[in-house]
């Protein structure tokens, strides 16, 4: 995903229903290099996870971020939660990288949008 290409920042998703795991976090500022390596590895791993559909993520200059990961089922979400490398990275996040975090799981029943349509 290229940060310079805004269209690529949107997940290419199927028609609903599907699940959204919404992860909001406030970074602690500790071990930025370690976080960057782990985050890159998690993107690589989740991309190979069965049932993973895509993600969208943003973080502001104060370290507050939201990542929404999309999955086809709750079973796929549990499998990702239980993936060994992900569990280890999550533990580091709780102990080192995040001051606070919230995670929510939702079912997406309806979705719509697209590029801006210019007025005629």
C-alpha atoms as a PDB file:
ATOM      1  CA  UNK A   1       0.000   0.000   0.000  1.00  0.00           C
ATOM      2  CA  UNK A   2       1.479   3.323  -1.048  1.00  0.00           C
ATOM      3  CA  UNK A   3       0.803   6.179   1.349  1.00  0.00           C
ATOM      4  CA  UNK A   4       1.189   8.621  -1.535  1.00  0.00           C
ATOM      5  CA  UNK A   5      -1.654   7.043  -3.485  1.00  0.00           C
ATOM      6  CA  UNK A   6      -4.853   7.845  -1.575  1.00  0.00           C
ATOM      7  CA  UNK A   7      -6.917   5.357  -3.592  1.00  0.00           C
ATOM      8  CA  UNK A   8      -4.660   2.518  -2.423  1.00  0.00           C
ATOM      9  CA  UNK A   9      -5.322   3.441   1.214  1.00  0.00           C
ATOM     10  CA  UNK A  10      -8.876   2.124   0.890  1.00  0.00           C
ATOM     11  CA  UNK A  11      -9.424  -1.614   1.281  1.00  0.00           C
ATOM     12  CA  UNK A  12     -10.886  -3.334  -1.777  1.00  0.00           C
ATOM     13  CA  UNK A  13     -13.693  -5.305  -0.131  1.00  0.00           C
ATOM     14  CA  UNK A  14     -16.456  -7.651  -1.247  1.00  0.00           C
ATOM     15  CA  UNK A  15     -20.125  -6.910  -0.779  1.00  0.00           C
ATOM     16  CA  UNK A  16     -21.271  -7.181   2.849  1.00  0.00           C
ATOM     17  CA  UNK A  17     -21.723  -8.857   5.174  1.00  0.00           C
ATOM     18  CA  UNK A  18     -18.215  -9.121   6.602  1.00  0.00           C
ATOM     19  CA  UNK A  19     -16.507  -8.290   9.885  1.00  0.00           C
ATOM     20  CA  UNK A  20     -14.483  -5.271  10.933  1.00  0.00           C
ATOM     21  CA  UNK A  21     -11.927  -5.351  13.749  1.00  0.00           C
ATOM     22  CA  UNK A  22     -11.445  -1.730  14.823  1.00  0.00           C
ATOM     23  CA  UNK A  23      -8.221  -1.114  16.716  1.00  0.00           C
ATOM     24  CA  UNK A  24      -7.747   2.365  18.199  1.00  0.00           C
ATOM     25  CA  UNK A  25      -4.470   3.112  19.960  1.00  0.00           C
ATOM     26  CA  UNK A  26      -2.372   5.804  21.515  1.00  0.00           C
ATOM     27  CA  UNK A  27       1.320   5.108  20.937  1.00  0.00           C
ATOM     28  CA  UNK A  28       3.700   5.448  23.875  1.00  0.00           C
ATOM     29  CA  UNK A  29       6.644   6.702  21.800  1.00  0.00           C
ATOM     30  CA  UNK A  30       8.844   3.865  23.107  1.00  0.00           C
ATOM     31  CA  UNK A  31      10.892   1.694  20.751  1.00  0.00           C
ATOM     32  CA  UNK A  32       9.738   3.312  17.492  1.00  0.00           C
ATOM     33  CA  UNK A  33      12.133   1.186  15.417  1.00  0.00           C
ATOM     34  CA  UNK A  34      10.878  -2.037  16.977  1.00  0.00           C
ATOM     35  CA  UNK A  35       7.308  -0.996  16.400  1.00  0.00           C
ATOM     36  CA  UNK A  36       7.967  -0.227  12.728  1.00  0.00           C
ATOM     37  CA  UNK A  37       9.558  -3.647  12.136  1.00  0.00           C
ATOM     38  CA  UNK A  38       6.728  -5.455  13.934  1.00  0.00           C
ATOM     39  CA  UNK A  39       4.029  -3.469  12.127  1.00  0.00           C
ATOM     40  CA  UNK A  40       5.527  -4.291   8.738  1.00  0.00           C
ATOM     41  CA  UNK A  41       5.730  -7.965   9.672  1.00  0.00           C
ATOM     42  CA  UNK A  42       2.096  -8.007  10.862  1.00  0.00           C
ATOM     43  CA  UNK A  43       0.932  -6.539   7.534  1.00  0.00           C
ATOM     44  CA  UNK A  44       2.861  -9.293   5.751  1.00  0.00           C
ATOM     45  CA  UNK A  45       1.440 -12.038   7.987  1.00  0.00           C
ATOM     46  CA  UNK A  46      -2.190 -10.914   8.023  1.00  0.00           C
ATOM     47  CA  UNK A  47      -2.098 -10.667   4.230  1.00  0.00           C
ATOM     48  CA  UNK A  48      -1.578 -14.449   4.163  1.00  0.00           C
ATOM     49  CA  UNK A  49      -4.189 -15.168   6.839  1.00  0.00           C
ATOM     50  CA  UNK A  50      -7.195 -17.133   5.510  1.00  0.00           C
ATOM     51  CA  UNK A  51     -10.319 -15.004   5.637  1.00  0.00           C
ATOM     52  CA  UNK A  52      -8.477 -11.656   5.743  1.00  0.00           C
ATOM     53  CA  UNK A  53     -10.074  -9.184   3.320  1.00  0.00           C
ATOM     54  CA  UNK A  54      -8.010  -6.002   3.743  1.00  0.00           C
ATOM     55  CA  UNK A  55      -7.327  -3.103   6.079  1.00  0.00           C
ATOM     56  CA  UNK A  56      -7.313   0.678   6.383  1.00  0.00           C
ATOM     57  CA  UNK A  57      -5.077   2.523   8.822  1.00  0.00           C
ATOM     58  CA  UNK A  58      -4.151   6.044   9.849  1.00  0.00           C
ATOM     59  CA  UNK A  59      -2.160   7.700  12.637  1.00  0.00           C
ATOM     60  CA  UNK A  60      -1.894  11.361  13.585  1.00  0.00           C
ATOM     61  CA  UNK A  61       1.173  13.323  14.656  1.00  0.00           C
ATOM     62  CA  UNK A  62       0.391  12.784  18.352  1.00  0.00           C
ATOM     63  CA  UNK A  63       0.488   8.994  17.985  1.00  0.00           C
ATOM     64  CA  UNK A  64      -3.271   8.317  17.992  1.00  0.00           C
ATOM     65  CA  UNK A  65      -4.213   5.784  15.344  1.00  0.00           C
ATOM     66  CA  UNK A  66      -7.070   3.694  14.057  1.00  0.00           C
ATOM     67  CA  UNK A  67      -6.696   0.516  12.045  1.00  0.00           C
ATOM     68  CA  UNK A  68      -9.696  -1.350  10.693  1.00  0.00           C
ATOM     69  CA  UNK A  69      -9.001  -4.905   9.566  1.00  0.00           C
ATOM     70  CA  UNK A  70     -11.695  -6.732   7.620  1.00  0.00           C
ATOM     71  CA  UNK A  71     -12.354 -10.477   7.797  1.00  0.00           C
ATOM     72  CA  UNK A  72     -14.904 -12.848   6.317  1.00  0.00           C
ATOM     73  CA  UNK A  73     -15.896 -14.473   9.630  1.00  0.00           C
ATOM     74  CA  UNK A  74     -15.454 -14.492  13.379  1.00  0.00           C
ATOM     75  CA  UNK A  75     -13.545 -17.761  12.982  1.00  0.00           C
ATOM     76  CA  UNK A  76     -10.987 -15.954  10.788  1.00  0.00           C
ATOM     77  CA  UNK A  77     -10.681 -13.193  13.392  1.00  0.00           C
ATOM     78  CA  UNK A  78     -10.035 -15.758  16.145  1.00  0.00           C
ATOM     79  CA  UNK A  79      -7.444 -17.535  13.994  1.00  0.00           C
ATOM     80  CA  UNK A  80      -5.613 -14.214  13.481  1.00  0.00           C
ATOM     81  CA  UNK A  81      -5.841 -13.435  17.202  1.00  0.00           C
ATOM     82  CA  UNK A  82      -4.308 -16.844  17.981  1.00  0.00           C
ATOM     83  CA  UNK A  83      -1.537 -16.684  15.341  1.00  0.00           C
ATOM     84  CA  UNK A  84       1.712 -17.070  17.355  1.00  0.00           C
ATOM     85  CA  UNK A  85       3.727 -14.151  15.914  1.00  0.00           C
ATOM     86  CA  UNK A  86       0.722 -11.864  16.101  1.00  0.00           C
ATOM     87  CA  UNK A  87       0.111 -12.839  19.737  1.00  0.00           C
ATOM     88  CA  UNK A  88       3.754 -12.053  20.604  1.00  0.00           C
ATOM     89  CA  UNK A  89       3.602  -8.672  18.833  1.00  0.00           C
ATOM     90  CA  UNK A  90       0.308  -7.883  20.535  1.00  0.00           C
ATOM     91  CA  UNK A  91       1.889  -8.615  23.929  1.00  0.00           C
ATOM     92  CA  UNK A  92       4.770  -6.236  23.146  1.00  0.00           C
ATOM     93  CA  UNK A  93       2.258  -3.619  22.100  1.00  0.00           C
ATOM     94  CA  UNK A  94       0.398  -3.885  25.382  1.00  0.00           C
ATOM     95  CA  UNK A  95       3.611  -3.690  27.409  1.00  0.00           C
ATOM     96  CA  UNK A  96       5.693  -1.239  25.355  1.00  0.00           C
ATOM     97  CA  UNK A  97       4.200   0.434  22.286  1.00  0.00           C
ATOM     98  CA  UNK A  98       0.750   1.582  23.430  1.00  0.00           C
ATOM     99  CA  UNK A  99      -0.293   3.865  26.282  1.00  0.00           C
ATOM    100  CA  UNK A 100      -3.862   2.820  25.652  1.00  0.00           C
ATOM    101  CA  UNK A 101      -5.786   0.787  23.123  1.00  0.00           C
ATOM    102  CA  UNK A 102      -9.363  -0.229  22.409  1.00  0.00           C
ATOM    103  CA  UNK A 103     -10.474  -3.045  20.149  1.00  0.00           C
ATOM    104  CA  UNK A 104     -13.960  -3.537  18.807  1.00  0.00           C
ATOM    105  CA  UNK A 105     -15.437  -6.148  16.486  1.00  0.00           C
ATOM    106  CA  UNK A 106     -18.402  -5.272  14.303  1.00  0.00           C
ATOM    107  CA  UNK A 107     -20.433  -6.807  11.511  1.00  0.00           C
ATOM    108  CA  UNK A 108     -20.673  -4.665   8.392  1.00  0.00           C
ATOM    109  CA  UNK A 109     -24.195  -5.035   7.026  1.00  0.00           C
ATOM    110  CA  UNK A 110     -24.080  -2.228   4.492  1.00  0.00           C
ATOM    111  CA  UNK A 111     -21.274  -0.370   2.723  1.00  0.00           C
ATOM    112  CA  UNK A 112     -21.286   2.275   0.023  1.00  0.00           C
ATOM    113  CA  UNK A 113     -19.035   5.003  -1.305  1.00  0.00           C
ATOM    114  CA  UNK A 114     -16.507   5.584  -4.030  1.00  0.00           C
ATOM    115  CA  UNK A 115     -14.567   8.426  -5.579  1.00  0.00           C
ATOM    116  CA  UNK A 116     -15.983  11.925  -5.520  1.00  0.00           C
ATOM    117  CA  UNK A 117     -18.288  12.667  -8.388  1.00  0.00           C
ATOM    118  CA  UNK A 118     -17.650  16.043  -9.952  1.00  0.00           C
ATOM    119  CA  UNK A 119     -20.710  18.273 -10.256  1.00  0.00           C
ATOM    120  CA  UNK A 120     -21.815  18.967 -13.812  1.00  0.00           C
END
